[in-house]
Amino acid sequence: MIKNNTETRIKDNQVTYKRYFDVDVDLLFEVWSKPEHLSEWWGPDGFTLTIKSLDFSNGGIWEFVMHGPDGHDYKNKIQFIEISKPHFILYQHLGDGEGDEDVNFQSRIVFEKAGEGTNLIMEQIFSDKQELERVNEKYGAIEGGKQHIGNLAKYLERISKP
């Protein structure tokens, strides 16, 4: 993996993003698991985040609102399926948490120690290729995923400088 570059691969119903970060695996895992970090970087460019509740545990629920640059609020609900600190996080995105499951997919976030840094692999798995294409068309999911990882990189630069 190349530092400062997010590799993106689309295959059938899955999008995989890969990026190397020059930070310890424990720090990278922490910024994916604690509200004080998540509220600083989560989401595509121009979005802000309000966390309603976060139970970061196997089976736990995370409810949040992403505030878009267009002024629209996007409610989200995630259920953590399996967490193995600091190796991976597997979760199911459940739509808005109020019965609207317009966006429903799994994400697997893998943290691999690589020398002094960490490789991050984020996989988004949709029910089928058509669903991935629909969500990408409606929400710009693939570009949003790239921006999401880019915002993580900017945040890590801010907090890891001496």
N, C-alpha and C. Protein backbone atom coordinates (compact mmCIF):
# COMPACT_ATOMS: atom_id res chain seq x y z
N MET A 1 0.84 -1.19 0.00
CA MET A 1 0.00 0.00 0.00
C MET A 1 0.88 1.24 0.00
N ILE A 2 0.38 2.24 -0.65
CA ILE A 2 1.14 3.48 -0.79
C ILE A 2 0.62 4.50 0.20
N LYS A 3 1.54 5.15 0.91
CA LYS A 3 1.17 6.19 1.86
C LYS A 3 0.55 7.36 1.09
N ASN A 4 -0.42 8.01 1.72
CA ASN A 4 -1.09 9.19 1.17
C ASN A 4 -1.88 8.89 -0.10
N ASN A 5 -2.26 7.65 -0.31
CA ASN A 5 -3.05 7.28 -1.47
C ASN A 5 -4.03 6.19 -1.05
N THR A 6 -5.28 6.37 -1.43
CA THR A 6 -6.28 5.36 -1.14
C THR A 6 -6.52 4.55 -2.41
N GLU A 7 -6.21 3.28 -2.34
CA GLU A 7 -6.50 2.37 -3.45
C GLU A 7 -7.95 1.94 -3.31
N THR A 8 -8.68 1.95 -4.42
CA THR A 8 -10.08 1.56 -4.41
C THR A 8 -10.30 0.47 -5.46
N ARG A 9 -10.95 -0.61 -5.04
CA ARG A 9 -11.26 -1.70 -5.97
C ARG A 9 -12.74 -2.04 -5.85
N ILE A 10 -13.40 -2.15 -6.99
CA ILE A 10 -14.81 -2.51 -7.03
C ILE A 10 -14.91 -3.86 -7.72
N LYS A 11 -15.54 -4.81 -7.04
CA LYS A 11 -15.72 -6.13 -7.62
C LYS A 11 -17.09 -6.65 -7.22
N ASP A 12 -17.93 -6.85 -8.21
CA ASP A 12 -19.29 -7.35 -8.00
C ASP A 12 -20.04 -6.47 -6.99
N ASN A 13 -20.34 -7.01 -5.81
CA ASN A 13 -21.13 -6.29 -4.81
C ASN A 13 -20.28 -5.68 -3.70
N GLN A 14 -18.98 -5.54 -3.94
CA GLN A 14 -18.07 -5.11 -2.87
C GLN A 14 -17.15 -3.99 -3.33
N VAL A 15 -16.94 -3.03 -2.43
CA VAL A 15 -15.96 -1.97 -2.65
C VAL A 15 -14.91 -2.11 -1.55
N THR A 16 -13.63 -2.11 -1.96
CA THR A 16 -12.54 -2.23 -1.01
C THR A 16 -11.65 -1.00 -1.14
N TYR A 17 -11.38 -0.36 0.00
CA TYR A 17 -10.49 0.79 0.08
C TYR A 17 -9.28 0.38 0.90
N LYS A 18 -8.09 0.72 0.43
CA LYS A 18 -6.87 0.38 1.17
C LYS A 18 -6.00 1.62 1.26
N ARG A 19 -5.41 1.80 2.44
CA ARG A 19 -4.50 2.94 2.64
C ARG A 19 -3.55 2.63 3.78
N TYR A 20 -2.31 3.08 3.63
CA TYR A 20 -1.30 2.98 4.68
C TYR A 20 -1.32 4.27 5.49
N PHE A 21 -1.27 4.13 6.82
CA PHE A 21 -1.18 5.28 7.72
C PHE A 21 0.07 5.14 8.56
N ASP A 22 0.77 6.22 8.71
CA ASP A 22 2.02 6.24 9.47
C ASP A 22 1.73 6.46 10.95
N VAL A 23 0.83 5.65 11.49
CA VAL A 23 0.47 5.70 12.91
C VAL A 23 0.37 4.26 13.43
N ASP A 24 0.51 4.12 14.72
CA ASP A 24 0.41 2.83 15.38
C ASP A 24 -1.00 2.24 15.21
N VAL A 25 -1.08 0.92 15.11
CA VAL A 25 -2.35 0.23 14.94
C VAL A 25 -3.33 0.56 16.07
N ASP A 26 -2.84 0.72 17.29
CA ASP A 26 -3.74 1.02 18.42
C ASP A 26 -4.40 2.39 18.26
N LEU A 27 -3.65 3.37 17.78
CA LEU A 27 -4.23 4.70 17.57
C LEU A 27 -5.26 4.66 16.45
N LEU A 28 -4.93 3.98 15.36
CA LEU A 28 -5.88 3.91 14.24
C LEU A 28 -7.18 3.22 14.68
N PHE A 29 -7.07 2.15 15.44
CA PHE A 29 -8.26 1.48 15.96
C PHE A 29 -9.05 2.43 16.87
N GLU A 30 -8.35 3.15 17.72
CA GLU A 30 -9.01 4.05 18.67
C GLU A 30 -9.84 5.12 17.97
N VAL A 31 -9.33 5.69 16.87
CA VAL A 31 -10.08 6.76 16.21
C VAL A 31 -11.32 6.23 15.49
N TRP A 32 -11.42 4.92 15.31
CA TRP A 32 -12.62 4.28 14.76
C TRP A 32 -13.60 3.87 15.85
N SER A 33 -13.23 4.01 17.13
CA SER A 33 -14.04 3.41 18.18
C SER A 33 -14.47 4.37 19.29
N LYS A 34 -13.99 5.58 19.29
CA LYS A 34 -14.32 6.51 20.38
C LYS A 34 -15.03 7.75 19.84
N PRO A 35 -16.12 8.14 20.50
CA PRO A 35 -16.92 9.26 19.99
C PRO A 35 -16.15 10.57 19.84
N GLU A 36 -15.22 10.83 20.75
CA GLU A 36 -14.48 12.10 20.65
C GLU A 36 -13.63 12.16 19.39
N HIS A 37 -13.24 11.02 18.86
CA HIS A 37 -12.50 10.98 17.60
C HIS A 37 -13.47 10.95 16.41
N LEU A 38 -14.45 10.06 16.45
CA LEU A 38 -15.37 9.89 15.34
C LEU A 38 -16.04 11.20 14.94
N SER A 39 -16.41 12.00 15.93
CA SER A 39 -17.10 13.26 15.63
C SER A 39 -16.21 14.26 14.92
N GLU A 40 -14.91 14.01 14.90
CA GLU A 40 -13.96 14.92 14.26
C GLU A 40 -13.67 14.59 12.79
N TRP A 41 -13.96 13.36 12.36
CA TRP A 41 -13.55 13.01 10.99
C TRP A 41 -14.57 12.19 10.20
N TRP A 42 -15.55 11.57 10.82
CA TRP A 42 -16.42 10.61 10.15
C TRP A 42 -17.22 11.27 9.02
N GLY A 43 -17.21 10.63 7.87
CA GLY A 43 -18.06 11.04 6.76
C GLY A 43 -17.30 11.68 5.62
N PRO A 44 -18.00 11.89 4.51
CA PRO A 44 -17.40 12.54 3.34
C PRO A 44 -17.14 14.02 3.59
N ASP A 45 -16.49 14.65 2.63
CA ASP A 45 -16.16 16.08 2.71
C ASP A 45 -17.40 16.92 2.96
N GLY A 46 -17.28 17.89 3.88
CA GLY A 46 -18.35 18.83 4.15
C GLY A 46 -19.39 18.36 5.15
N PHE A 47 -19.33 17.11 5.58
CA PHE A 47 -20.29 16.59 6.55
C PHE A 47 -19.77 16.79 7.97
N THR A 48 -20.71 16.97 8.89
CA THR A 48 -20.39 16.96 10.32
C THR A 48 -21.24 15.86 10.96
N LEU A 49 -20.92 15.54 12.20
CA LEU A 49 -21.52 14.38 12.83
C LEU A 49 -22.02 14.71 14.23
N THR A 50 -23.22 14.27 14.53
CA THR A 50 -23.76 14.31 15.88
C THR A 50 -24.03 12.87 16.30
N ILE A 51 -23.41 12.44 17.38
CA ILE A 51 -23.59 11.09 17.88
C ILE A 51 -24.71 11.10 18.91
N LYS A 52 -25.75 10.31 18.64
CA LYS A 52 -26.87 10.20 19.58
C LYS A 52 -26.54 9.18 20.67
N SER A 53 -25.99 8.03 20.27
CA SER A 53 -25.57 7.01 21.22
C SER A 53 -24.54 6.11 20.54
N LEU A 54 -23.63 5.56 21.34
CA LEU A 54 -22.61 4.67 20.81
C LEU A 54 -22.30 3.60 21.85
N ASP A 55 -22.65 2.36 21.51
CA ASP A 55 -22.30 1.20 22.32
C ASP A 55 -21.32 0.39 21.49
N PHE A 56 -20.02 0.68 21.67
CA PHE A 56 -18.98 0.02 20.87
C PHE A 56 -18.65 -1.32 21.51
N SER A 57 -19.51 -2.31 21.20
CA SER A 57 -19.32 -3.67 21.71
C SER A 57 -19.98 -4.62 20.72
N ASN A 58 -19.64 -5.90 20.79
CA ASN A 58 -20.29 -6.88 19.93
C ASN A 58 -21.80 -6.83 20.17
N GLY A 59 -22.55 -6.60 19.10
CA GLY A 59 -24.01 -6.47 19.20
C GLY A 59 -24.48 -5.07 19.53
N GLY A 60 -23.55 -4.16 19.87
CA GLY A 60 -23.90 -2.79 20.25
C GLY A 60 -24.41 -1.97 19.08
N ILE A 61 -25.12 -0.91 19.41
CA ILE A 61 -25.74 -0.03 18.41
C ILE A 61 -25.09 1.35 18.47
N TRP A 62 -24.89 1.93 17.29
CA TRP A 62 -24.41 3.30 17.15
C TRP A 62 -25.44 4.06 16.34
N GLU A 63 -26.01 5.09 16.95
CA GLU A 63 -26.94 5.96 16.24
C GLU A 63 -26.33 7.34 16.13
N PHE A 64 -26.38 7.89 14.91
CA PHE A 64 -25.80 9.20 14.67
C PHE A 64 -26.51 9.91 13.54
N VAL A 65 -26.27 11.21 13.45
CA VAL A 65 -26.82 12.03 12.37
C VAL A 65 -25.65 12.67 11.65
N MET A 66 -25.63 12.48 10.34
CA MET A 66 -24.64 13.16 9.50
C MET A 66 -25.32 14.40 8.93
N HIS A 67 -24.71 15.55 9.17
CA HIS A 67 -25.25 16.82 8.69
C HIS A 67 -24.54 17.16 7.39
N GLY A 68 -25.30 17.13 6.29
CA GLY A 68 -24.70 17.34 4.98
C GLY A 68 -24.45 18.80 4.67
N PRO A 69 -23.53 19.05 3.75
CA PRO A 69 -23.25 20.42 3.33
C PRO A 69 -24.45 21.07 2.63
N ASP A 70 -25.42 20.23 2.21
CA ASP A 70 -26.65 20.73 1.58
C ASP A 70 -27.70 21.13 2.61
N GLY A 71 -27.36 21.00 3.91
CA GLY A 71 -28.30 21.35 4.98
C GLY A 71 -29.20 20.20 5.39
N HIS A 72 -29.11 19.07 4.71
CA HIS A 72 -29.95 17.91 5.03
C HIS A 72 -29.30 17.08 6.14
N ASP A 73 -30.12 16.55 7.04
CA ASP A 73 -29.65 15.66 8.09
C ASP A 73 -29.94 14.22 7.67
N TYR A 74 -28.93 13.37 7.78
CA TYR A 74 -29.04 11.96 7.41
C TYR A 74 -28.88 11.11 8.67
N LYS A 75 -30.00 10.54 9.14
CA LYS A 75 -29.95 9.67 10.31
C LYS A 75 -29.34 8.34 9.91
N ASN A 76 -28.54 7.76 10.80
CA ASN A 76 -27.88 6.49 10.56
C ASN A 76 -27.93 5.62 11.80
N LYS A 77 -27.99 4.31 11.55
CA LYS A 77 -27.93 3.35 12.64
C LYS A 77 -27.03 2.20 12.20
N ILE A 78 -26.10 1.85 13.05
CA ILE A 78 -25.14 0.79 12.80
C ILE A 78 -25.20 -0.20 13.95
N GLN A 79 -25.11 -1.49 13.62
CA GLN A 79 -24.96 -2.51 14.66
C GLN A 79 -23.61 -3.19 14.48
N PHE A 80 -22.84 -3.21 15.56
CA PHE A 80 -21.54 -3.87 15.54
C PHE A 80 -21.76 -5.37 15.65
N ILE A 81 -21.26 -6.11 14.67
CA ILE A 81 -21.43 -7.56 14.65
C ILE A 81 -20.28 -8.23 15.39
N GLU A 82 -19.06 -7.80 15.07
CA GLU A 82 -17.90 -8.39 15.72
C GLU A 82 -16.78 -7.36 15.78
N ILE A 83 -16.20 -7.24 16.95
CA ILE A 83 -15.07 -6.33 17.18
C ILE A 83 -13.94 -7.15 17.78
N SER A 84 -12.77 -7.02 17.19
CA SER A 84 -11.58 -7.69 17.72
C SER A 84 -10.46 -6.65 17.79
N LYS A 85 -10.31 -6.04 18.97
CA LYS A 85 -9.34 -4.97 19.16
C LYS A 85 -7.92 -5.53 19.10
N PRO A 86 -6.99 -4.95 18.37
CA PRO A 86 -7.09 -3.86 17.41
C PRO A 86 -7.09 -4.36 15.96
N HIS A 87 -7.66 -5.53 15.71
CA HIS A 87 -7.54 -6.16 14.41
C HIS A 87 -8.64 -5.82 13.41
N PHE A 88 -9.90 -5.82 13.85
CA PHE A 88 -10.96 -5.52 12.90
C PHE A 88 -12.26 -5.13 13.61
N ILE A 89 -13.11 -4.47 12.81
CA ILE A 89 -14.46 -4.10 13.22
C ILE A 89 -15.39 -4.54 12.08
N LEU A 90 -16.41 -5.29 12.41
CA LEU A 90 -17.41 -5.68 11.42
C LEU A 90 -18.75 -5.12 11.88
N TYR A 91 -19.40 -4.36 11.00
CA TYR A 91 -20.70 -3.81 11.37
C TYR A 91 -21.68 -3.85 10.21
N GLN A 92 -22.95 -3.78 10.58
CA GLN A 92 -24.05 -3.74 9.62
C GLN A 92 -24.67 -2.35 9.68
N HIS A 93 -24.73 -1.69 8.54
CA HIS A 93 -25.41 -0.40 8.45
C HIS A 93 -26.89 -0.70 8.27
N LEU A 94 -27.74 -0.13 9.14
CA LEU A 94 -29.17 -0.47 9.18
C LEU A 94 -30.07 0.66 8.71
N GLY A 95 -29.58 1.53 7.87
CA GLY A 95 -30.41 2.64 7.41
C GLY A 95 -30.48 3.73 8.46
N ASP A 96 -31.67 4.34 8.58
CA ASP A 96 -31.79 5.50 9.48
C ASP A 96 -32.22 5.12 10.89
N GLY A 97 -32.46 3.84 11.15
CA GLY A 97 -32.85 3.42 12.49
C GLY A 97 -34.31 3.63 12.79
N GLU A 98 -35.07 4.14 11.82
CA GLU A 98 -36.50 4.39 12.02
C GLU A 98 -37.33 3.65 10.98
N GLY A 99 -36.80 2.54 10.50
CA GLY A 99 -37.55 1.74 9.54
C GLY A 99 -37.15 1.95 8.09
N ASP A 100 -36.45 3.03 7.78
CA ASP A 100 -36.01 3.28 6.41
C ASP A 100 -34.63 2.65 6.23
N GLU A 101 -34.59 1.54 5.53
CA GLU A 101 -33.32 0.85 5.30
C GLU A 101 -32.85 1.06 3.87
N ASP A 102 -32.97 2.30 3.39
CA ASP A 102 -32.57 2.62 2.02
C ASP A 102 -31.11 2.26 1.77
N VAL A 103 -30.30 2.34 2.81
CA VAL A 103 -28.90 1.95 2.70
C VAL A 103 -28.66 0.86 3.73
N ASN A 104 -28.37 -0.34 3.26
CA ASN A 104 -28.18 -1.48 4.15
C ASN A 104 -27.02 -2.31 3.60
N PHE A 105 -25.91 -2.29 4.30
CA PHE A 105 -24.72 -3.02 3.85
C PHE A 105 -23.85 -3.34 5.05
N GLN A 106 -22.86 -4.20 4.85
CA GLN A 106 -21.89 -4.51 5.90
C GLN A 106 -20.57 -3.81 5.58
N SER A 107 -19.87 -3.43 6.63
CA SER A 107 -18.51 -2.91 6.49
C SER A 107 -17.59 -3.71 7.39
N ARG A 108 -16.47 -4.06 6.83
CA ARG A 108 -15.42 -4.74 7.60
C ARG A 108 -14.19 -3.85 7.52
N ILE A 109 -13.71 -3.41 8.68
CA ILE A 109 -12.55 -2.54 8.78
C ILE A 109 -11.42 -3.37 9.37
N VAL A 110 -10.34 -3.52 8.61
CA VAL A 110 -9.21 -4.35 9.04
C VAL A 110 -8.01 -3.44 9.28
N PHE A 111 -7.34 -3.66 10.40
CA PHE A 111 -6.16 -2.90 10.80
C PHE A 111 -4.98 -3.86 10.82
N GLU A 112 -4.01 -3.67 9.91
CA GLU A 112 -2.84 -4.56 9.83
C GLU A 112 -1.58 -3.78 10.16
N LYS A 113 -0.87 -4.23 11.18
CA LYS A 113 0.42 -3.62 11.51
C LYS A 113 1.34 -3.78 10.31
N ALA A 114 2.02 -2.68 9.94
CA ALA A 114 2.93 -2.70 8.79
C ALA A 114 4.15 -1.84 9.12
N GLY A 115 5.19 -2.47 9.63
CA GLY A 115 6.37 -1.72 10.05
C GLY A 115 6.01 -0.81 11.20
N GLU A 116 6.32 0.48 11.05
CA GLU A 116 5.99 1.46 12.09
C GLU A 116 4.56 1.97 11.98
N GLY A 117 3.88 1.61 10.89
CA GLY A 117 2.54 2.12 10.66
C GLY A 117 1.49 1.03 10.58
N THR A 118 0.39 1.36 9.91
CA THR A 118 -0.75 0.45 9.83
C THR A 118 -1.39 0.52 8.46
N ASN A 119 -1.70 -0.64 7.90
CA ASN A 119 -2.52 -0.71 6.70
C ASN A 119 -3.98 -0.78 7.13
N LEU A 120 -4.80 0.03 6.50
CA LEU A 120 -6.24 0.01 6.75
C LEU A 120 -6.91 -0.56 5.51
N ILE A 121 -7.78 -1.52 5.72
CA ILE A 121 -8.58 -2.07 4.63
C ILE A 121 -10.04 -1.93 5.05
N MET A 122 -10.82 -1.18 4.25
CA MET A 122 -12.24 -1.00 4.53
C MET A 122 -13.02 -1.63 3.38
N GLU A 123 -13.81 -2.64 3.72
CA GLU A 123 -14.62 -3.34 2.72
C GLU A 123 -16.08 -3.03 2.99
N GLN A 124 -16.78 -2.62 1.94
CA GLN A 124 -18.23 -2.42 2.02
C GLN A 124 -18.88 -3.51 1.17
N ILE A 125 -19.76 -4.29 1.77
CA ILE A 125 -20.37 -5.44 1.10
C ILE A 125 -21.88 -5.22 1.02
N PHE A 126 -22.38 -5.14 -0.22
CA PHE A 126 -23.81 -4.93 -0.48
C PHE A 126 -24.46 -6.26 -0.84
N SER A 127 -25.79 -6.32 -0.81
CA SER A 127 -26.50 -7.57 -1.07
C SER A 127 -26.23 -8.11 -2.47
N ASP A 128 -26.05 -7.22 -3.44
CA ASP A 128 -25.71 -7.63 -4.80
C ASP A 128 -25.14 -6.43 -5.56
N LYS A 129 -24.67 -6.67 -6.77
CA LYS A 129 -24.04 -5.62 -7.57
C LYS A 129 -25.02 -4.48 -7.87
N GLN A 130 -26.27 -4.82 -8.12
CA GLN A 130 -27.28 -3.80 -8.43
C GLN A 130 -27.51 -2.87 -7.24
N GLU A 131 -27.48 -3.43 -6.04
CA GLU A 131 -27.66 -2.60 -4.85
C GLU A 131 -26.49 -1.65 -4.67
N LEU A 132 -25.28 -2.12 -4.89
CA LEU A 132 -24.10 -1.25 -4.83
C LEU A 132 -24.26 -0.12 -5.85
N GLU A 133 -24.64 -0.46 -7.07
CA GLU A 133 -24.80 0.56 -8.11
C GLU A 133 -25.89 1.56 -7.76
N ARG A 134 -27.00 1.09 -7.18
CA ARG A 134 -28.10 1.98 -6.79
C ARG A 134 -27.64 2.97 -5.71
N VAL A 135 -26.97 2.44 -4.68
CA VAL A 135 -26.53 3.30 -3.58
C VAL A 135 -25.45 4.28 -4.06
N ASN A 136 -24.60 3.82 -4.95
CA ASN A 136 -23.58 4.72 -5.49
C ASN A 136 -24.22 5.82 -6.33
N GLU A 137 -25.20 5.46 -7.14
CA GLU A 137 -25.90 6.44 -7.99
C GLU A 137 -26.63 7.47 -7.14
N LYS A 138 -27.34 7.00 -6.09
CA LYS A 138 -28.16 7.88 -5.26
C LYS A 138 -27.34 8.74 -4.30
N TYR A 139 -26.29 8.14 -3.70
CA TYR A 139 -25.57 8.83 -2.63
C TYR A 139 -24.10 9.11 -2.94
N GLY A 140 -23.59 8.65 -4.08
CA GLY A 140 -22.16 8.83 -4.36
C GLY A 140 -21.31 8.05 -3.38
N ALA A 141 -21.72 6.81 -3.10
CA ALA A 141 -21.10 6.03 -2.03
C ALA A 141 -19.60 5.78 -2.24
N ILE A 142 -19.19 5.51 -3.46
CA ILE A 142 -17.78 5.17 -3.69
C ILE A 142 -16.89 6.40 -3.49
N GLU A 143 -17.26 7.51 -4.08
CA GLU A 143 -16.49 8.75 -3.86
C GLU A 143 -16.57 9.15 -2.39
N GLY A 144 -17.73 8.98 -1.78
CA GLY A 144 -17.88 9.28 -0.35
C GLY A 144 -16.96 8.44 0.51
N GLY A 145 -16.78 7.17 0.14
CA GLY A 145 -15.86 6.29 0.87
C GLY A 145 -14.42 6.78 0.77
N LYS A 146 -14.03 7.22 -0.43
CA LYS A 146 -12.67 7.77 -0.61
C LYS A 146 -12.48 9.02 0.24
N GLN A 147 -13.48 9.90 0.25
CA GLN A 147 -13.40 11.12 1.05
C GLN A 147 -13.37 10.80 2.54
N HIS A 148 -14.14 9.81 2.94
CA HIS A 148 -14.19 9.34 4.33
C HIS A 148 -12.78 8.96 4.80
N ILE A 149 -12.08 8.15 4.02
CA ILE A 149 -10.71 7.74 4.36
C ILE A 149 -9.77 8.95 4.30
N GLY A 150 -9.98 9.84 3.36
CA GLY A 150 -9.18 11.07 3.28
C GLY A 150 -9.35 11.95 4.51
N ASN A 151 -10.58 12.06 5.01
CA ASN A 151 -10.82 12.85 6.22
C ASN A 151 -10.20 12.20 7.45
N LEU A 152 -10.18 10.87 7.47
CA LEU A 152 -9.48 10.15 8.53
C LEU A 152 -7.99 10.51 8.49
N ALA A 153 -7.41 10.51 7.31
CA ALA A 153 -5.98 10.84 7.15
C ALA A 153 -5.68 12.25 7.65
N LYS A 154 -6.53 13.22 7.29
CA LYS A 154 -6.33 14.61 7.73
C LYS A 154 -6.40 14.70 9.26
N TYR A 155 -7.37 14.00 9.84
CA TYR A 155 -7.52 14.02 11.29
C TYR A 155 -6.30 13.41 11.97
N LEU A 156 -5.83 12.27 11.47
CA LEU A 156 -4.65 11.63 12.06
C LEU A 156 -3.42 12.52 11.97
N GLU A 157 -3.28 13.24 10.88
CA GLU A 157 -2.16 14.18 10.78
C GLU A 157 -2.23 15.24 11.87
N ARG A 158 -3.44 15.73 12.11
CA ARG A 158 -3.63 16.77 13.13
C ARG A 158 -3.29 16.28 14.52
N ILE A 159 -3.72 15.06 14.87
CA ILE A 159 -3.55 14.62 16.25
C ILE A 159 -2.23 13.90 16.50
N SER A 160 -1.52 13.51 15.45
CA SER A 160 -0.29 12.75 15.68
C SER A 160 0.97 13.59 15.52
N LYS A 161 0.82 14.88 15.23
CA LYS A 161 2.00 15.77 15.15
C LYS A 161 2.40 16.20 16.54
N PRO A 162 3.70 16.24 16.79
CA PRO A 162 4.17 16.63 18.13
C PRO A 162 3.88 18.09 18.44
